[in-house]
Structure formats: structure tokens, C-alpha cells
Amino acid sequence: MNQLATFAGGCFWCMVTPFDQIPGVIKVTSGYTGGHTENPTYEEVCSDTTGHVEAVQIEYDPSLLSYEKLLGMYWQQIDPTDIEGQFNDKGHSYRTFIFYHSDEQKRLAEASKAELAASGRFDKPIVTEIVEADDFYAAEEHHQDYYKKNPFRYKMYAKGSGRESFIKHHWTIKKNENELRARLTPIQYEVTQNNATEAPFRNEFWDHQGEGIYVDIVSGEPLFSSKDKFDAHCGWPSFTKPLENQNVLEEVDVTHGMIRTEVRSKEGDSHLGHVFEDGPDPTGMRYCINSASLRFIPKDQLEENGFGQYMSLFQ
């Protein structure tokens, strides 16, 4: 039976993307909750007169995706130390809350918050509140899946708000250059750390056909699935979408006299490649990725490597 998870993390435009299209997530809805007004409008909520906050409600299959996993993803999208709002958006409607739907969710949320506070990742107290879920009102249709409907404006907003830089500062792994040079091959190091590009048609995965997932060679975070891989006839492995949107970040690249969109891994901050709007259906996108940035994990080895939640993709 599907369950609900409800999180407030500032602007709900930016809180849909991390959870959308993850195996186990059925639907992500932007909306308003926590206040005293029925069926509030966006303008009313922003006026801070309703008591509501912008939030996302996630319908998920707990047999495929755990609530603990959702909590971990939630913390990595917000500034949990800001009691006044989130990034450039200030006011009650932008504050952070975890709205629990059961005693078990409450227990897990409180344990997760305590673990984050004890980690030392932040030098200020964690102020995100954990409260019982109340009526949830879906936002107006033009606010649903905003990142899909207005991709350029969404990207500009996410970057300009300060959210992206905050996440990168606090959730990127601390790298040891000597360790990386010892662990990576020369081409893996140059691609991931110095934005190099490997030769087309002479790299490990450009025509790879195995079923499984591709993870960051540096951090091990999941990036792409063989289910979304296609032959773009360009000589590099190409995918129609990331495995988890939150793990693949986009940045403007103006090198070599061109304007392109670079893609990097979130946690590893590895250069992966570029994304272009000339891919096939259903997304129309082509994530053109360097094999040197990737490690392949076959589907029959997902469980032993800690990626059992992706087994459902291949069943």
C-alpha cells in the first residue's frame, strides 16, 4: 500500500525535482499545509496570513523506497539552520517542516534530525520542525511540475536563490588529491577533476549493452540507468535522463567559444559531460557522458553493492 511523505523546504518549485522520477515515487504534488485557511491561493500563502507553508507531498511505494531514504534526500535540499525561511525567500511560508503521517514516521524523522545535528556538518542548530501532518491543499496547476513547464526560469531561479551553492558547499565530499590520483586512472582524473573530454568511440561504455546502473567513479552516487541509455551515434554513452535528478547538477559552460550546459555529480562534484536538447522521446534530452566519469554495476550485483532499491527497474 502506498504511503505519503510531506516536506516543506522553501519554494516548492525546487522541492519537486529531487524526488521526481525516483524508483518508488508515484507522484509529487506541490501545495500548502500547516495553516488555518481552507483552499488557500498562492498569493494568500505568500502573504503569511494563512499559517500555511509551501510544501511537497510525495506518494511512494514503501516496498521500493524507504522513508529513511526520503528523509536523507530532504535534508540535502535545504538549509535546516534557517528559521526565517530558505535562501532568498524569507517568511513563515518558506520555513522548513517535516510533517509526519504516523508515529513511525515521527520516530524516524526525530532520529534523522538528531543524527544530522550530531554530524557536525552545520555549525548552527537544526531548527527544522517535526509536526503532525494536517490537511494538504494542492497548489494551482501552473505550480505543478514547474521545472518541466518552465525549465529555463526554474534553472535561473534555483541558481539565483542561493540554494544550489549552499547544497554544493555542504553536501559535496571533501576530496584528497593524492588519494584520487592513486585511485583513478589518468583519464578518469583528468575528466572528473579537470573537465577533460575523452576520445569518442574509444571509451569504455559508448557501446556498452549490459543492464544495470552507472555510478560516479569518485563518489559512487547513482547517476544513470541502462534503461535510459541509447545510441546517439556520437561516440560517448548517452542517456535520456538521470537516474535521480538530484544527483546530476547543471551549470553553464562557456568554454571553447560555445555556450553549453555542463552536468556534474552533486556529491562527488565530478565533471560528467554535457546535456543537449536533441535526444529522443520521452524527454527529448541527450545526456552525453564521459565513460571515465562512470562505474557500471550490473543488475545482478545491485543488492551486494548497496543499490537494491533499483532492482525494480529491471523486473
Protein backbone atom coordinates (compact mmCIF):
# COMPACT_ATOMS: atom_id res chain seq x y z
CA MET A 1 0.00 0.00 0.00
CA ASN A 2 1.37 3.39 -0.97
CA GLN A 3 2.24 5.92 1.73
CA LEU A 4 2.66 9.71 1.95
CA ALA A 5 5.61 11.86 2.96
CA THR A 6 5.20 15.62 3.33
CA PHE A 7 8.10 18.07 3.47
CA ALA A 8 8.40 21.86 3.47
CA GLY A 9 11.71 23.22 2.25
CA GLY A 10 11.14 26.73 0.94
CA CYS A 11 9.97 27.29 -2.62
CA PHE A 12 8.11 24.16 -3.71
CA TRP A 13 9.34 24.53 -7.27
CA CYS A 14 12.75 23.42 -6.07
CA MET A 15 11.45 20.64 -3.82
CA VAL A 16 9.78 18.62 -6.58
CA THR A 17 12.85 17.93 -8.71
CA PRO A 18 14.89 15.92 -6.16
CA PHE A 19 12.10 13.40 -5.59
CA ASP A 20 10.50 13.21 -9.02
CA GLN A 21 11.10 10.10 -11.15
CA ILE A 22 12.92 8.17 -8.41
CA PRO A 23 12.04 4.45 -8.39
CA GLY A 24 9.33 4.03 -5.80
CA VAL A 25 7.93 7.56 -6.08
CA ILE A 26 4.44 7.52 -7.56
CA LYS A 27 3.64 11.23 -7.54
CA VAL A 28 4.96 14.53 -6.18
CA THR A 29 2.45 17.33 -5.59
CA SER A 30 3.21 20.95 -4.76
CA GLY A 31 0.87 22.51 -2.25
CA TYR A 32 0.14 24.23 1.03
CA THR A 33 -0.22 22.82 4.54
CA GLY A 34 0.12 23.59 8.22
CA GLY A 35 -2.20 26.60 8.35
CA HIS A 36 -5.76 27.51 9.23
CA THR A 37 -7.26 28.57 5.89
CA GLU A 38 -9.12 26.17 3.60
CA ASN A 39 -8.09 26.02 -0.05
CA PRO A 40 -5.63 28.93 0.11
CA THR A 41 -4.23 30.55 -3.01
CA TYR A 42 -0.55 31.10 -3.73
CA GLU A 43 -0.90 34.84 -3.11
CA GLU A 44 -2.63 34.25 0.24
CA VAL A 45 0.05 31.84 1.42
CA CYS A 46 2.84 34.22 0.38
CA SER A 47 1.19 36.98 2.37
CA ASP A 48 1.94 34.98 5.56
CA THR A 49 -1.64 35.40 6.78
CA THR A 50 -2.80 31.78 6.42
CA GLY A 51 -0.29 29.94 8.60
CA HIS A 52 0.45 27.62 5.66
CA VAL A 53 3.86 26.82 4.21
CA GLU A 54 4.79 25.78 0.70
CA ALA A 55 5.33 22.02 0.74
CA VAL A 56 5.51 18.90 -1.38
CA GLN A 57 3.53 15.75 -0.74
CA ILE A 58 5.14 12.57 -2.03
CA GLU A 59 3.16 9.41 -2.69
CA TYR A 60 5.58 6.48 -2.61
CA ASP A 61 5.73 2.69 -2.52
CA PRO A 62 7.48 1.69 0.75
CA SER A 63 8.38 -1.71 -0.71
CA LEU A 64 10.63 0.08 -3.20
CA LEU A 65 11.65 3.24 -1.35
CA SER A 66 12.12 3.75 2.39
CA TYR A 67 11.03 6.76 4.40
CA GLU A 68 14.62 6.97 5.72
CA LYS A 69 15.83 7.43 2.13
CA LEU A 70 13.32 10.22 1.59
CA LEU A 71 14.44 11.93 4.81
CA GLY A 72 18.07 11.79 3.70
CA MET A 73 17.19 13.35 0.38
CA TYR A 74 15.11 16.04 2.10
CA TRP A 75 17.93 17.24 4.36
CA GLN A 76 20.21 17.59 1.34
CA GLN A 77 17.87 20.11 -0.32
CA ILE A 78 17.51 22.68 2.47
CA ASP A 79 19.26 24.92 4.97
CA PRO A 80 17.95 23.33 8.19
CA THR A 81 19.51 26.09 10.32
CA ASP A 82 17.46 29.00 8.92
CA ILE A 83 14.35 29.74 10.98
CA GLU A 84 13.38 32.75 8.84
CA GLY A 85 12.88 30.95 5.53
CA GLN A 86 15.06 29.46 2.84
CA PHE A 87 17.84 31.25 0.99
CA ASN A 88 16.48 34.38 -0.72
CA ASP A 89 12.89 33.53 0.26
CA LYS A 90 12.05 34.77 3.76
CA GLY A 91 8.85 34.50 5.75
CA HIS A 92 6.82 31.82 7.52
CA SER A 93 5.57 30.27 4.28
CA TYR A 94 9.16 29.35 3.35
CA ARG A 95 10.19 27.75 6.63
CA THR A 96 11.20 24.09 6.84
CA PHE A 97 8.99 21.38 8.33
CA ILE A 98 8.71 17.61 8.28
CA PHE A 99 5.02 16.66 8.51
CA TYR A 100 4.73 13.09 9.78
CA HIS A 101 1.81 10.81 8.86
CA SER A 102 2.39 8.11 11.51
CA ASP A 103 4.17 7.52 14.79
CA GLU A 104 6.83 5.57 12.90
CA GLN A 105 7.50 8.50 10.56
CA LYS A 106 7.74 10.77 13.61
CA ARG A 107 10.28 8.45 15.23
CA LEU A 108 12.37 8.18 12.08
CA ALA A 109 12.25 11.94 11.46
CA GLU A 110 13.37 12.76 15.00
CA ALA A 111 16.18 10.21 14.80
CA SER A 112 17.28 11.60 11.43
CA LYS A 113 17.27 15.16 12.76
CA ALA A 114 19.32 14.14 15.81
CA GLU A 115 21.81 12.33 13.61
CA LEU A 116 22.23 15.38 11.39
CA ALA A 117 22.70 17.64 14.42
CA ALA A 118 25.40 15.32 15.81
CA SER A 119 27.23 15.05 12.48
CA GLY A 120 28.88 18.46 12.76
CA ARG A 121 28.00 19.25 9.15
CA PHE A 122 26.42 22.55 10.25
CA ASP A 123 27.81 24.98 12.82
CA LYS A 124 24.35 26.22 13.90
CA PRO A 125 21.39 24.40 15.48
CA ILE A 126 18.98 22.41 13.30
CA VAL A 127 15.68 24.33 13.52
CA THR A 128 13.52 22.32 11.11
CA GLU A 129 10.32 21.43 12.96
CA ILE A 130 8.71 17.99 13.01
CA VAL A 131 4.92 18.23 13.33
CA GLU A 132 1.90 16.07 12.63
CA ALA A 133 0.56 16.22 9.07
CA ASP A 134 -2.60 18.27 8.55
CA ASP A 135 -4.83 18.97 5.56
CA PHE A 136 -2.80 19.36 2.38
CA TYR A 137 -4.09 21.60 -0.41
CA ALA A 138 -2.67 21.13 -3.91
CA ALA A 139 -1.29 24.32 -5.42
CA GLU A 140 -2.56 25.84 -8.65
CA GLU A 141 -1.88 23.78 -11.78
CA HIS A 142 0.81 26.12 -13.13
CA HIS A 143 2.87 25.43 -9.99
CA GLN A 144 2.81 21.67 -10.53
CA ASP A 145 5.96 20.23 -12.16
CA TYR A 146 7.21 23.75 -12.64
CA TYR A 147 10.72 22.61 -13.55
CA LYS A 148 9.30 20.78 -16.58
CA LYS A 149 6.98 23.54 -17.74
CA ASN A 150 9.47 26.40 -17.34
CA PRO A 151 12.93 24.80 -17.38
CA PHE A 152 14.94 27.94 -18.14
CA ARG A 153 13.25 30.10 -15.50
CA TYR A 154 13.45 27.25 -13.00
CA LYS A 155 17.19 26.82 -13.51
CA MET A 156 17.79 30.55 -13.18
CA TYR A 157 15.71 30.70 -10.01
CA ALA A 158 17.36 27.67 -8.40
CA LYS A 159 20.80 29.10 -9.08
CA GLY A 160 20.00 32.73 -8.25
CA SER A 161 18.27 31.90 -4.97
CA GLY A 162 21.48 30.58 -3.44
CA ARG A 163 20.11 27.06 -2.99
CA GLU A 164 22.49 25.40 -5.44
CA SER A 165 25.64 26.95 -3.98
CA PHE A 166 24.54 26.09 -0.43
CA ILE A 167 23.93 22.45 -1.34
CA LYS A 168 27.25 22.22 -3.16
CA HIS A 169 29.13 23.69 -0.19
CA HIS A 170 27.56 21.46 2.43
CA TRP A 171 26.97 18.19 0.60
CA THR A 172 29.98 17.80 -1.69
CA ILE A 173 32.57 15.31 -0.46
CA LYS A 174 35.92 16.64 0.70
CA LYS A 175 38.49 15.47 -1.82
CA ASN A 176 42.04 14.33 -1.24
CA GLU A 177 44.01 14.92 -4.43
CA ASN A 178 46.69 12.34 -3.64
CA GLU A 179 44.10 9.69 -2.84
CA LEU A 180 42.19 10.45 -6.05
CA ARG A 181 45.33 10.27 -8.19
CA ALA A 182 46.17 6.90 -6.64
CA ARG A 183 42.65 5.51 -7.08
CA LEU A 184 41.74 6.85 -10.53
CA THR A 185 43.34 6.24 -13.90
CA PRO A 186 44.92 9.31 -15.54
CA ILE A 187 41.95 9.81 -17.88
CA GLN A 188 39.44 9.36 -15.03
CA TYR A 189 41.25 12.00 -13.02
CA GLU A 190 41.53 14.47 -15.89
CA VAL A 191 37.88 14.12 -16.86
CA THR A 192 36.33 14.25 -13.40
CA GLN A 193 38.65 16.80 -11.81
CA ASN A 194 39.86 18.95 -14.72
CA ASN A 195 36.82 18.86 -17.06
CA ALA A 196 38.66 16.97 -19.81
CA THR A 197 36.82 15.09 -22.55
CA GLU A 198 37.79 11.56 -23.55
CA ALA A 199 38.04 10.45 -27.18
CA PRO A 200 34.78 9.38 -28.85
CA PHE A 201 34.34 5.72 -29.82
CA ARG A 202 37.43 4.84 -27.77
CA ASN A 203 35.99 4.76 -24.27
CA GLU A 204 34.60 2.03 -22.07
CA PHE A 205 30.84 2.49 -22.25
CA TRP A 206 29.99 4.18 -25.54
CA ASP A 207 28.51 0.93 -26.94
CA HIS A 208 28.01 -0.93 -23.67
CA GLN A 209 24.85 -3.06 -23.67
CA GLY A 210 24.67 -4.54 -20.14
CA GLU A 211 21.69 -4.00 -17.83
CA GLY A 212 22.42 -2.11 -14.64
CA ILE A 213 23.22 1.36 -13.35
CA TYR A 214 26.09 3.77 -13.79
CA VAL A 215 27.53 5.48 -10.69
CA ASP A 216 30.05 8.26 -10.18
CA ILE A 217 33.58 6.86 -10.30
CA VAL A 218 34.59 9.25 -7.49
CA SER A 219 31.70 9.23 -5.02
CA GLY A 220 29.70 6.14 -6.00
CA GLU A 221 26.43 8.09 -6.15
CA PRO A 222 23.90 6.66 -8.66
CA LEU A 223 23.69 8.67 -11.88
CA PHE A 224 22.16 6.82 -14.84
CA SER A 225 20.35 3.60 -15.75
CA SER A 226 20.90 1.33 -18.73
CA LYS A 227 17.12 1.58 -19.23
CA ASP A 228 17.61 5.20 -20.31
CA LYS A 229 20.73 4.62 -22.43
CA PHE A 230 20.58 4.97 -26.22
CA ASP A 231 22.93 5.12 -29.19
CA ALA A 232 23.29 8.77 -30.15
CA HIS A 233 25.99 7.93 -32.75
CA CYS A 234 28.29 10.43 -31.06
CA GLY A 235 30.84 8.03 -29.57
CA TRP A 236 30.01 8.62 -25.92
CA PRO A 237 27.42 6.93 -23.68
CA SER A 238 24.17 8.86 -23.91
CA PHE A 239 21.09 8.83 -21.67
CA THR A 240 17.64 10.41 -21.89
CA LYS A 241 17.54 11.28 -18.17
CA PRO A 242 19.39 10.86 -14.88
CA LEU A 243 18.54 8.02 -12.54
CA GLU A 244 17.98 10.56 -9.77
CA ASN A 245 17.57 14.20 -10.77
CA GLN A 246 19.10 15.49 -7.56
CA ASN A 247 22.43 13.74 -8.24
CA VAL A 248 23.09 15.43 -11.61
CA LEU A 249 23.60 19.19 -11.48
CA GLU A 250 23.63 21.53 -14.46
CA GLU A 251 25.95 24.50 -14.94
CA VAL A 252 26.52 26.96 -17.78
CA ASP A 253 29.71 26.21 -19.71
CA VAL A 254 31.13 28.95 -21.96
CA THR A 255 34.49 27.33 -22.72
CA HIS A 256 35.79 26.66 -26.25
CA GLY A 257 33.76 29.53 -27.68
CA MET A 258 30.44 27.76 -27.08
CA ILE A 259 27.51 28.07 -24.69
CA ARG A 260 26.67 24.63 -23.36
CA THR A 261 25.13 23.05 -20.28
CA GLU A 262 27.65 21.06 -18.28
CA VAL A 263 26.48 18.25 -15.99
CA ARG A 264 28.28 17.39 -12.74
CA SER A 265 27.61 14.94 -9.95
CA LYS A 266 26.25 16.54 -6.80
CA GLU A 267 28.19 14.75 -4.08
CA GLY A 268 31.39 14.00 -5.98
CA ASP A 269 31.40 17.31 -7.91
CA SER A 270 32.75 15.30 -10.83
CA HIS A 271 32.60 16.61 -14.37
CA LEU A 272 30.37 14.16 -16.23
CA GLY A 273 29.76 15.72 -19.63
CA HIS A 274 27.05 17.89 -21.17
CA VAL A 275 23.32 17.77 -21.81
CA PHE A 276 21.69 18.72 -25.11
CA GLU A 277 18.08 19.14 -26.25
CA ASP A 278 18.36 16.77 -29.21
CA GLY A 279 17.55 13.46 -27.59
CA PRO A 280 14.72 11.01 -28.27
CA ASP A 281 11.38 10.66 -26.52
CA PRO A 282 10.21 10.68 -23.82
CA THR A 283 12.41 13.53 -22.58
CA GLY A 284 13.96 14.96 -25.74
CA MET A 285 17.24 15.26 -23.83
CA ARG A 286 20.67 13.77 -24.51
CA TYR A 287 22.99 13.46 -21.54
CA CYS A 288 26.33 12.98 -23.30
CA ILE A 289 28.61 11.50 -20.63
CA ASN A 290 32.28 10.57 -20.40
CA SER A 291 32.81 6.88 -19.66
CA ALA A 292 35.75 7.90 -17.48
CA SER A 293 33.30 9.50 -15.03
CA LEU A 294 31.36 6.29 -14.58
CA ARG A 295 31.46 2.87 -12.95
CA PHE A 296 28.96 0.25 -14.10
CA ILE A 297 27.13 -2.01 -11.67
CA PRO A 298 25.32 -4.96 -13.31
CA LYS A 299 21.75 -5.61 -12.24
CA ASP A 300 22.68 -8.90 -10.53
CA GLN A 301 25.20 -7.03 -8.34
CA LEU A 302 22.97 -4.13 -7.26
CA GLU A 303 21.96 -5.66 -3.93
CA GLU A 304 25.50 -6.50 -2.81
CA ASN A 305 26.70 -3.02 -3.75
CA GLY A 306 24.00 -1.26 -1.73
CA PHE A 307 21.71 -0.33 -4.63
CA GLY A 308 18.94 -2.85 -4.08
CA GLN A 309 16.28 -0.14 -4.40
CA TYR A 310 16.95 -0.09 -8.16
CA MET A 311 16.23 -3.78 -8.72
CA SER A 312 12.63 -2.92 -9.58
CA LEU A 313 13.83 -1.17 -12.72
CA PHE A 314 14.86 -4.49 -14.22
CA GLN A 315 11.94 -6.68 -13.15
